[in-house]
Amino acid sequence: MAVTGRAALLAAIGALVVGFALPAWWGLAVVEGALLAGVLVDLALAGSVRGLRMWRSGDTSVRLGRDATVHLVVHNPGRRPVRGTLRDAWPPSAGATPGRHPLRVPAGERRRLEVTLRPTRRGDRPADRVTVRSVGPLGLAARQGGHVVPWTVRALPPFTSRKHLPSRLARLRELDGRALVRVRGEGTEFDSLREYVLGDDVRSIDWRATARAADVMVRTWRPERDRHILLVLDTGRTSAGRVGDAPRLDAAMDASLLLAALASRAGDRVDLLAYDRAVRAGVSGVGPAELLPALVNAMAPVEPRLVETDVRGMVASVLARTSRRSLVVLFTGLDAAPVEEGLLPGLPALSLRHRVMVASVADPAVTAMAAGRGDSVAVYDAASAERARAERLRTGRLLERLGVTVVDATPEELAPAVADSYLALKAAGRL
């Protein structure tokens, strides 16, 4: 039950009537009795709330920053019309609009209401209770009740680095032999013979073919296909640090999506593992056509955990997932303490069997702070920033000495930098 503003207004008017015209107990009884009778009549004649039937339809997933539409159907099987207000509650991060709907459902009919969602965070956004207030014909009181109408909209990673894909695919076509550029490396395979031109690697000369031809002949090579790429997202506490408006984990996801799209076009197989102290998400054995949808759906509900990552467990999970030599791209931090105490001891077991790339998100605010010279405070801040940068650089060099490829870039530059490093490894035949 709920009392409307009209009832409160009539009560205030009745108080004035009692105070000035009927200043006696019977006057108060008359006014209150009339108001109470009106409330009871409204409650008796208002449409039933509990008898309503509701169900939903619409979008079940949406990319972060875009709109999703969910429809709520309200069916009134009762004999009285339902007139009032409906509140469809969603989590604040779902960005649901409008939150309230005027409702008028005649007896035996149904109405469809529309809610637009614009999520502000990744993950699943479940609908909360639907509350209906059915007002009586006098507008003094209303029946009120709630219904649980389940529905979940999954907010997927936005994949903002998609804009870098065309330029990297053009480079890939060059490496793949669809343009005039050919490469040679320890991981490439023979393609064809052609005449020698100035600038060709003399190691590519085929002396037997040259002896049979009138000109010097060289071999051309194309990068090997069907390599295995394993994307590993460190979801421990270092991934929770915010750079700008988003945690580091979001930038790592965006970079992994670009690399996955590029590698699948190159004919390589891509898998995913998200880990901190347990496996939080995984994708394996998915074909190129279904790869990106599978990745974004697996990544969407993953959130950083405020725990130290179990590097030994992560390495064991990686080794258990792939036995053939692969490119393992580990998205983690380059902070000195976690790397030296956790990653460095466990890295040799991984780099012994696989090619390893470590990708880390750098904070552009540190670079800006290092350039400050305005006053004494800015100078101290600059010194701290330079020290932090030097520690990251030293940590990166320690990893490179172990044969690890290190990519350290800001959130906007991380995805293209990781893609370029992958192409460089592929061009050098090091996959």
Protein backbone atom coordinates (compact mmCIF):
# COMPACT_ATOMS: atom_id res chain seq x y z
CA MET A 1 0.00 0.00 0.00
CA ALA A 2 1.10 3.56 -0.72
CA VAL A 3 -0.52 6.95 -0.10
CA THR A 4 -0.29 9.49 -2.91
CA GLY A 5 0.46 13.18 -2.76
CA ARG A 6 -3.21 13.92 -3.42
CA ALA A 7 -4.14 12.23 -0.15
CA ALA A 8 -1.53 14.28 1.72
CA LEU A 9 -2.92 17.48 0.16
CA LEU A 10 -6.48 16.59 1.16
CA ALA A 11 -5.29 15.81 4.69
CA ALA A 12 -3.71 19.27 4.92
CA ILE A 13 -6.90 20.90 3.67
CA GLY A 14 -8.91 18.85 6.16
CA ALA A 15 -6.71 20.06 8.98
CA LEU A 16 -7.49 23.67 8.01
CA VAL A 17 -11.20 22.89 7.88
CA VAL A 18 -11.10 21.34 11.34
CA GLY A 19 -9.03 24.16 12.74
CA PHE A 20 -11.15 27.02 11.45
CA ALA A 21 -14.66 25.66 10.64
CA LEU A 22 -15.15 22.53 12.77
CA PRO A 23 -12.97 22.89 15.87
CA ALA A 24 -14.32 19.85 17.65
CA TRP A 25 -13.67 16.13 17.95
CA TRP A 26 -16.62 15.25 15.71
CA GLY A 27 -15.28 17.59 13.01
CA LEU A 28 -11.95 15.77 13.09
CA ALA A 29 -13.78 12.43 12.94
CA VAL A 30 -15.81 13.54 9.91
CA VAL A 31 -12.76 14.75 7.96
CA GLU A 32 -10.61 11.74 8.83
CA GLY A 33 -13.47 9.35 8.15
CA ALA A 34 -14.07 10.81 4.70
CA LEU A 35 -10.39 10.64 3.86
CA LEU A 36 -10.08 7.09 5.17
CA ALA A 37 -13.14 6.01 3.19
CA GLY A 38 -11.60 7.42 0.02
CA VAL A 39 -8.36 5.56 0.68
CA LEU A 40 -10.21 2.29 1.26
CA VAL A 41 -12.24 2.74 -1.90
CA ASP A 42 -9.07 3.32 -3.91
CA LEU A 43 -7.41 0.22 -2.47
CA ALA A 44 -10.48 -1.85 -3.22
CA LEU A 45 -10.87 -0.65 -6.80
CA ALA A 46 -7.18 -0.44 -7.78
CA GLY A 47 -5.94 -3.09 -10.20
CA SER A 48 -4.13 -6.07 -8.73
CA VAL A 49 -0.32 -5.81 -8.68
CA ARG A 50 0.46 -9.36 -7.64
CA GLY A 51 -1.61 -10.77 -10.47
CA LEU A 52 0.47 -9.09 -13.17
CA ARG A 53 2.57 -11.31 -15.45
CA MET A 54 5.90 -10.00 -16.78
CA TRP A 55 8.68 -11.19 -19.06
CA ARG A 56 11.61 -9.66 -20.92
CA SER A 57 13.20 -9.77 -24.36
CA GLY A 58 15.93 -7.91 -26.18
CA ASP A 59 19.74 -7.65 -26.18
CA THR A 60 21.81 -9.92 -23.99
CA SER A 61 25.21 -8.37 -24.74
CA VAL A 62 26.58 -5.01 -25.80
CA ARG A 63 30.02 -3.49 -26.33
CA LEU A 64 31.05 -1.05 -23.65
CA GLY A 65 30.04 2.47 -24.65
CA ARG A 66 27.15 1.36 -26.88
CA ASP A 67 23.42 1.06 -26.24
CA ALA A 68 21.42 -2.10 -25.58
CA THR A 69 17.64 -2.30 -25.66
CA VAL A 70 15.60 -4.51 -23.33
CA HIS A 71 11.81 -4.83 -23.56
CA LEU A 72 9.59 -5.52 -20.56
CA VAL A 73 6.11 -6.92 -21.32
CA VAL A 74 3.42 -6.40 -18.65
CA HIS A 75 0.27 -8.51 -18.94
CA ASN A 76 -2.80 -7.80 -16.81
CA PRO A 77 -4.99 -10.93 -16.52
CA GLY A 78 -7.25 -9.35 -13.87
CA ARG A 79 -10.68 -7.78 -14.19
CA ARG A 80 -9.65 -4.25 -13.27
CA PRO A 81 -7.27 -1.96 -15.15
CA VAL A 82 -3.85 -1.17 -13.70
CA ARG A 83 -3.00 2.52 -13.76
CA GLY A 84 0.06 3.97 -12.09
CA THR A 85 3.87 3.83 -12.22
CA LEU A 86 6.42 1.08 -12.88
CA ARG A 87 10.02 1.22 -11.70
CA ASP A 88 12.46 -1.10 -13.47
CA ALA A 89 15.59 -1.28 -11.29
CA TRP A 90 19.07 -2.05 -12.70
CA PRO A 91 22.55 -1.60 -11.18
CA PRO A 92 23.80 2.00 -11.52
CA SER A 93 26.67 0.88 -13.79
CA ALA A 94 24.10 -0.49 -16.28
CA GLY A 95 23.10 3.08 -17.20
CA ALA A 96 19.40 2.22 -17.56
CA THR A 97 17.04 4.91 -18.85
CA PRO A 98 14.28 5.64 -18.10
CA GLY A 99 14.11 4.31 -14.58
CA ARG A 100 10.35 4.92 -14.18
CA HIS A 101 7.51 4.38 -16.65
CA PRO A 102 3.91 5.56 -16.57
CA LEU A 103 1.75 2.45 -16.73
CA ARG A 104 -1.80 1.93 -17.94
CA VAL A 105 -2.81 -1.68 -18.71
CA PRO A 106 -6.54 -2.38 -19.30
CA ALA A 107 -7.97 -5.67 -18.07
CA GLY A 108 -6.90 -8.63 -20.19
CA GLU A 109 -4.36 -6.61 -22.21
CA ARG A 110 -0.60 -6.19 -22.21
CA ARG A 111 1.85 -3.34 -22.69
CA ARG A 112 5.50 -3.37 -23.75
CA LEU A 113 7.96 -0.98 -22.13
CA GLU A 114 11.47 -0.24 -23.45
CA VAL A 115 14.63 0.31 -21.41
CA THR A 116 17.90 1.54 -22.93
CA LEU A 117 21.14 0.44 -21.25
CA ARG A 118 24.55 2.05 -21.70
CA PRO A 119 26.91 0.20 -19.32
CA THR A 120 29.89 2.06 -17.89
CA ARG A 121 31.79 -1.07 -16.79
CA ARG A 122 32.56 -4.47 -18.22
CA GLY A 123 30.79 -7.55 -16.93
CA ASP A 124 27.30 -8.90 -16.33
CA ARG A 125 24.56 -6.44 -15.41
CA PRO A 126 21.54 -8.33 -13.98
CA ALA A 127 18.12 -6.73 -13.71
CA ASP A 128 16.80 -6.06 -10.22
CA ARG A 129 13.17 -6.00 -9.03
CA VAL A 130 10.31 -4.48 -11.00
CA THR A 131 8.10 -2.43 -8.65
CA VAL A 132 4.57 -1.49 -9.70
CA ARG A 133 2.34 1.07 -7.99
CA SER A 134 -1.34 0.70 -9.04
CA VAL A 135 -3.36 3.82 -8.18
CA GLY A 136 -7.09 3.73 -7.45
CA PRO A 137 -9.72 5.78 -9.34
CA LEU A 138 -9.70 8.58 -6.77
CA GLY A 139 -5.92 8.92 -6.82
CA LEU A 140 -5.62 8.82 -3.03
CA ALA A 141 -3.95 5.44 -2.46
CA ALA A 142 -2.26 2.70 -4.45
CA ARG A 143 -1.40 -0.95 -4.22
CA GLN A 144 2.33 -1.60 -4.50
CA GLY A 145 4.29 -4.76 -5.10
CA GLY A 146 7.43 -6.13 -6.68
CA HIS A 147 8.21 -8.79 -9.26
CA VAL A 148 11.48 -10.55 -10.04
CA VAL A 149 11.89 -10.58 -13.83
CA PRO A 150 15.37 -12.01 -14.49
CA TRP A 151 17.50 -10.72 -17.35
CA THR A 152 21.23 -10.13 -17.73
CA VAL A 153 23.08 -7.92 -20.19
CA ARG A 154 26.79 -8.60 -20.58
CA ALA A 155 28.98 -5.55 -21.24
CA LEU A 156 31.80 -6.66 -23.54
CA PRO A 157 35.26 -5.08 -23.90
CA PRO A 158 35.05 -2.20 -26.41
CA PHE A 159 38.02 -3.26 -28.64
CA THR A 160 39.05 0.34 -29.33
CA SER A 161 42.33 -0.82 -30.90
CA ARG A 162 40.42 -2.21 -33.90
CA LYS A 163 41.42 0.97 -35.76
CA HIS A 164 45.03 -0.31 -35.86
CA LEU A 165 44.08 -3.59 -37.53
CA PRO A 166 44.08 -2.49 -41.23
CA SER A 167 47.65 -1.16 -41.13
CA ARG A 168 48.93 -4.30 -39.38
CA LEU A 169 47.09 -6.53 -41.84
CA ALA A 170 48.84 -4.69 -44.69
CA ARG A 171 52.18 -5.48 -43.07
CA LEU A 172 51.04 -9.06 -42.58
CA ARG A 173 50.21 -9.38 -46.28
CA GLU A 174 53.74 -8.30 -47.06
CA LEU A 175 55.15 -10.96 -44.77
CA ASP A 176 52.74 -13.55 -46.09
CA GLY A 177 53.90 -13.10 -49.67
CA ARG A 178 50.87 -11.36 -51.10
CA ALA A 179 53.02 -8.29 -51.71
CA LEU A 180 56.50 -8.11 -53.24
CA VAL A 181 58.39 -8.21 -49.94
CA ARG A 182 59.84 -11.58 -48.89
CA VAL A 183 61.61 -12.43 -45.68
CA ARG A 184 63.89 -15.17 -44.48
CA GLY A 185 64.45 -16.56 -41.04
CA GLU A 186 64.89 -19.73 -39.04
CA GLY A 187 61.13 -20.20 -38.87
CA THR A 188 60.27 -19.59 -42.53
CA GLU A 189 59.53 -22.01 -45.32
CA PHE A 190 60.63 -22.12 -48.97
CA ASP A 191 58.26 -20.47 -51.45
CA SER A 192 59.75 -20.12 -54.97
CA LEU A 193 62.77 -19.13 -57.08
CA ARG A 194 63.34 -15.81 -58.85
CA GLU A 195 66.18 -13.84 -60.40
CA TYR A 196 68.65 -12.10 -58.13
CA VAL A 197 68.26 -8.32 -57.75
CA LEU A 198 70.57 -5.87 -56.06
CA GLY A 199 70.04 -5.92 -52.29
CA ASP A 200 69.02 -9.57 -51.98
CA ASP A 201 70.65 -11.62 -49.23
CA VAL A 202 73.46 -13.59 -50.83
CA ARG A 203 72.67 -16.48 -48.46
CA SER A 204 69.44 -16.94 -50.40
CA ILE A 205 71.25 -17.77 -53.68
CA ASP A 206 70.40 -21.24 -54.93
CA TRP A 207 73.64 -22.32 -56.63
CA ARG A 208 72.19 -25.45 -58.20
CA ALA A 209 69.36 -23.50 -59.81
CA THR A 210 71.87 -20.84 -60.88
CA ALA A 211 74.02 -23.47 -62.61
CA ARG A 212 71.01 -24.58 -64.66
CA ALA A 213 69.86 -21.05 -65.53
CA ALA A 214 71.38 -18.12 -67.34
CA ASP A 215 70.97 -15.79 -64.33
CA VAL A 216 71.67 -15.93 -60.63
CA MET A 217 68.62 -17.42 -58.88
CA VAL A 218 67.58 -16.83 -55.29
CA ARG A 219 65.09 -18.56 -53.07
CA THR A 220 62.11 -16.68 -51.64
CA TRP A 221 60.61 -17.58 -48.31
CA ARG A 222 57.32 -17.10 -46.58
CA PRO A 223 56.66 -17.12 -42.82
CA GLU A 224 55.37 -20.36 -41.40
CA ARG A 225 51.69 -20.56 -40.57
CA ASP A 226 49.74 -22.49 -37.97
CA ARG A 227 51.82 -21.22 -35.06
CA HIS A 228 50.30 -21.26 -31.58
CA ILE A 229 49.76 -18.01 -29.62
CA LEU A 230 48.74 -18.17 -25.95
CA LEU A 231 47.49 -14.92 -24.43
CA VAL A 232 47.92 -14.87 -20.65
CA LEU A 233 46.19 -12.16 -18.62
CA ASP A 234 47.59 -11.61 -15.14
CA THR A 235 44.49 -10.71 -13.11
CA GLY A 236 46.34 -10.20 -9.81
CA ARG A 237 46.63 -6.97 -7.86
CA THR A 238 48.97 -5.23 -10.31
CA SER A 239 46.24 -5.40 -12.97
CA ALA A 240 43.87 -3.45 -10.71
CA GLY A 241 45.95 -0.27 -10.81
CA ARG A 242 44.10 2.43 -12.68
CA VAL A 243 45.74 4.31 -15.53
CA GLY A 244 43.45 7.14 -16.49
CA ASP A 245 39.83 6.05 -16.13
CA ALA A 246 40.32 2.29 -16.48
CA PRO A 247 42.32 -0.46 -14.76
CA ARG A 248 45.43 -1.85 -16.44
CA LEU A 249 43.56 -5.09 -17.11
CA ASP A 250 41.25 -3.33 -19.59
CA ALA A 251 44.20 -2.08 -21.65
CA ALA A 252 45.69 -5.59 -21.63
CA MET A 253 42.40 -7.02 -22.89
CA ASP A 254 42.25 -4.49 -25.70
CA ALA A 255 45.80 -5.33 -26.78
CA SER A 256 45.10 -9.06 -26.63
CA LEU A 257 42.05 -8.64 -28.89
CA LEU A 258 44.09 -6.82 -31.53
CA LEU A 259 46.82 -9.46 -31.39
CA ALA A 260 44.25 -12.26 -31.60
CA ALA A 261 42.57 -10.70 -34.63
CA LEU A 262 45.93 -10.25 -36.35
CA ALA A 263 47.28 -13.70 -35.51
CA SER A 264 44.11 -15.46 -36.64
CA ARG A 265 44.35 -13.69 -40.00
CA ALA A 266 47.95 -14.93 -40.21
CA GLY A 267 46.74 -18.51 -39.88
CA ASP A 268 47.96 -18.92 -36.31
CA ARG A 269 45.93 -20.54 -33.53
CA VAL A 270 45.13 -18.32 -30.55
CA ASP A 271 44.15 -19.37 -27.01
CA LEU A 272 43.48 -17.34 -23.86
CA LEU A 273 44.22 -17.85 -20.17
CA ALA A 274 43.31 -15.43 -17.34
CA TYR A 275 45.01 -16.31 -14.06
CA ASP A 276 45.92 -14.96 -10.61
CA ARG A 277 45.70 -17.80 -8.07
CA ALA A 278 43.27 -19.82 -10.16
CA VAL A 279 42.06 -19.88 -13.75
CA ARG A 280 39.51 -17.08 -14.13
CA ALA A 281 38.81 -17.52 -17.83
CA GLY A 282 40.02 -19.63 -20.72
CA VAL A 283 39.47 -20.06 -24.45
CA SER A 284 41.03 -22.85 -26.46
CA GLY A 285 40.45 -24.73 -29.69
CA VAL A 286 38.27 -22.04 -31.25
CA GLY A 287 38.29 -21.44 -35.00
CA PRO A 288 39.10 -18.06 -36.59
CA ALA A 289 35.46 -17.17 -37.26
CA GLU A 290 34.40 -17.66 -33.63
CA LEU A 291 37.62 -16.47 -31.99
CA LEU A 292 36.84 -12.80 -31.24
CA PRO A 293 33.29 -13.45 -29.95
CA ALA A 294 34.65 -16.21 -27.71
CA LEU A 295 37.41 -13.97 -26.38
CA VAL A 296 35.23 -10.96 -25.58
CA ASN A 297 32.63 -13.16 -23.88
CA ALA A 298 35.31 -14.85 -21.77
CA MET A 299 36.98 -11.55 -20.84
CA ALA A 300 33.83 -9.56 -20.04
CA PRO A 301 33.18 -10.85 -16.48
CA VAL A 302 36.86 -11.03 -15.47
CA GLU A 303 37.82 -8.51 -12.79
CA PRO A 304 41.18 -7.85 -11.09
CA ARG A 305 41.75 -9.61 -7.77
CA LEU A 306 43.60 -7.89 -4.95
CA VAL A 307 45.95 -10.84 -4.41
CA GLU A 308 49.50 -11.63 -5.41
CA THR A 309 49.63 -13.74 -8.54
CA ASP A 310 50.82 -17.32 -8.10
CA VAL A 311 53.46 -17.37 -10.84
CA ARG A 312 54.28 -21.04 -10.34
CA GLY A 313 50.64 -21.95 -10.76
CA MET A 314 50.40 -19.74 -13.83
CA VAL A 315 53.45 -21.36 -15.43
CA ALA A 316 52.09 -24.81 -14.63
CA SER A 317 48.76 -23.92 -16.25
CA VAL A 318 50.51 -22.61 -19.36
CA LEU A 319 52.68 -25.73 -19.68
CA ALA A 320 49.64 -27.96 -19.17
CA ARG A 321 47.71 -26.20 -21.93
CA THR A 322 50.30 -26.47 -24.68
CA SER A 323 53.04 -28.96 -25.36
CA ARG A 324 54.23 -27.60 -28.71
CA ARG A 325 56.48 -24.56 -28.86
CA SER A 326 54.32 -21.44 -28.74
CA LEU A 327 54.43 -17.71 -28.35
CA VAL A 328 53.26 -16.93 -24.80
CA VAL A 329 52.21 -13.29 -24.45
CA LEU A 330 52.00 -12.43 -20.75
CA PHE A 331 50.18 -9.21 -19.88
CA THR A 332 51.46 -8.24 -16.45
CA GLY A 333 53.20 -5.42 -14.61
CA LEU A 334 56.86 -4.42 -14.71
CA ASP A 335 57.06 -3.28 -11.10
CA ALA A 336 60.42 -4.37 -9.73
CA ALA A 337 59.29 -6.23 -6.59
CA PRO A 338 56.59 -8.49 -8.14
CA VAL A 339 58.79 -9.31 -11.13
CA GLU A 340 61.95 -10.08 -9.18
CA GLU A 341 60.18 -12.06 -6.45
CA GLY A 342 57.57 -13.81 -8.59
CA LEU A 343 58.09 -13.73 -12.35
CA LEU A 344 61.87 -14.07 -12.65
CA PRO A 345 62.14 -17.33 -10.64
CA GLY A 346 59.33 -18.96 -12.63
CA LEU A 347 60.28 -17.63 -16.06
CA PRO A 348 63.11 -20.04 -16.98
CA ALA A 349 60.76 -23.04 -16.96
CA LEU A 350 58.50 -21.19 -19.37
CA SER A 351 61.11 -19.66 -21.69
CA LEU A 352 62.90 -23.01 -22.00
CA ARG A 353 59.97 -24.45 -23.97
CA HIS A 354 58.26 -21.35 -25.42
CA ARG A 355 58.94 -17.95 -26.89
CA VAL A 356 57.82 -15.43 -24.25
CA MET A 357 56.67 -11.85 -24.64
CA VAL A 358 55.87 -9.69 -21.61
CA ALA A 359 53.54 -6.73 -22.24
CA SER A 360 53.02 -4.09 -19.56
CA VAL A 361 50.92 -0.94 -19.28
CA ALA A 362 52.93 2.20 -18.52
CA ASP A 363 51.39 5.22 -16.83
CA PRO A 364 51.60 8.37 -19.02
CA ALA A 365 51.23 10.47 -15.87
CA VAL A 366 54.70 9.33 -14.79
CA THR A 367 56.18 10.63 -18.04
CA ALA A 368 54.40 13.95 -17.58
CA MET A 369 55.58 14.14 -13.98
CA ALA A 370 59.19 13.50 -15.02
CA ALA A 371 59.11 16.64 -17.19
CA GLY A 372 57.98 18.92 -14.35
CA ARG A 373 60.37 21.69 -13.29
CA GLY A 374 58.02 24.47 -12.14
CA ASP A 375 58.87 24.55 -8.43
CA SER A 376 60.58 22.52 -5.74
CA VAL A 377 57.61 20.16 -5.39
CA ALA A 378 57.60 19.51 -9.14
CA VAL A 379 61.33 18.81 -9.07
CA TYR A 380 60.91 16.23 -6.31
CA ASP A 381 58.01 14.68 -8.23
CA ALA A 382 60.17 14.56 -11.36
CA ALA A 383 62.95 12.82 -9.45
CA SER A 384 60.52 10.20 -8.16
CA ALA A 385 59.13 9.68 -11.65
CA GLU A 386 62.61 9.26 -13.14
CA ARG A 387 63.45 6.71 -10.48
CA ALA A 388 60.29 4.74 -11.24
CA ARG A 389 61.08 4.81 -14.96
CA ALA A 390 64.63 3.66 -14.31
CA GLU A 391 63.38 0.72 -12.22
CA ARG A 392 60.99 -0.35 -14.99
CA LEU A 393 63.78 -0.07 -17.55
CA ARG A 394 66.09 -2.18 -15.38
CA THR A 395 63.37 -4.79 -14.88
CA GLY A 396 62.77 -4.93 -18.62
CA ARG A 397 66.46 -5.49 -19.28
CA LEU A 398 66.55 -8.34 -16.76
CA LEU A 399 63.75 -10.03 -18.68
CA GLU A 400 65.43 -9.42 -22.04
CA ARG A 401 68.58 -11.14 -20.80
CA LEU A 402 66.45 -14.25 -20.38
CA GLY A 403 65.38 -14.05 -24.02
CA VAL A 404 62.02 -12.42 -23.29
CA THR A 405 60.58 -9.79 -25.64
CA VAL A 406 59.44 -6.83 -23.52
CA VAL A 407 56.77 -4.32 -24.55
CA ASP A 408 56.21 -1.39 -22.17
CA ALA A 409 53.77 1.21 -23.49
CA THR A 410 50.91 3.49 -22.46
CA PRO A 411 47.32 2.19 -22.76
CA GLU A 412 46.82 3.91 -26.14
CA GLU A 413 50.12 2.58 -27.52
CA LEU A 414 50.17 -0.90 -25.99
CA ALA A 415 47.96 -2.67 -28.54
CA PRO A 416 49.82 -1.51 -31.68
CA ALA A 417 53.18 -2.07 -29.95
CA VAL A 418 52.30 -5.67 -29.11
CA ALA A 419 51.07 -6.25 -32.67
CA ASP A 420 54.30 -4.79 -34.09
CA SER A 421 56.40 -7.03 -31.84
CA TYR A 422 54.43 -10.08 -33.02
CA LEU A 423 55.00 -9.10 -36.66
CA ALA A 424 58.70 -8.56 -35.99
CA LEU A 425 59.02 -12.01 -34.45
CA LYS A 426 57.14 -13.50 -37.38
CA ALA A 427 59.30 -11.67 -39.91
CA ALA A 428 62.46 -12.89 -38.18
CA GLY A 429 61.14 -16.45 -38.13
CA ARG A 430 61.37 -16.63 -34.35
CA LEU A 431 57.92 -18.11 -33.73
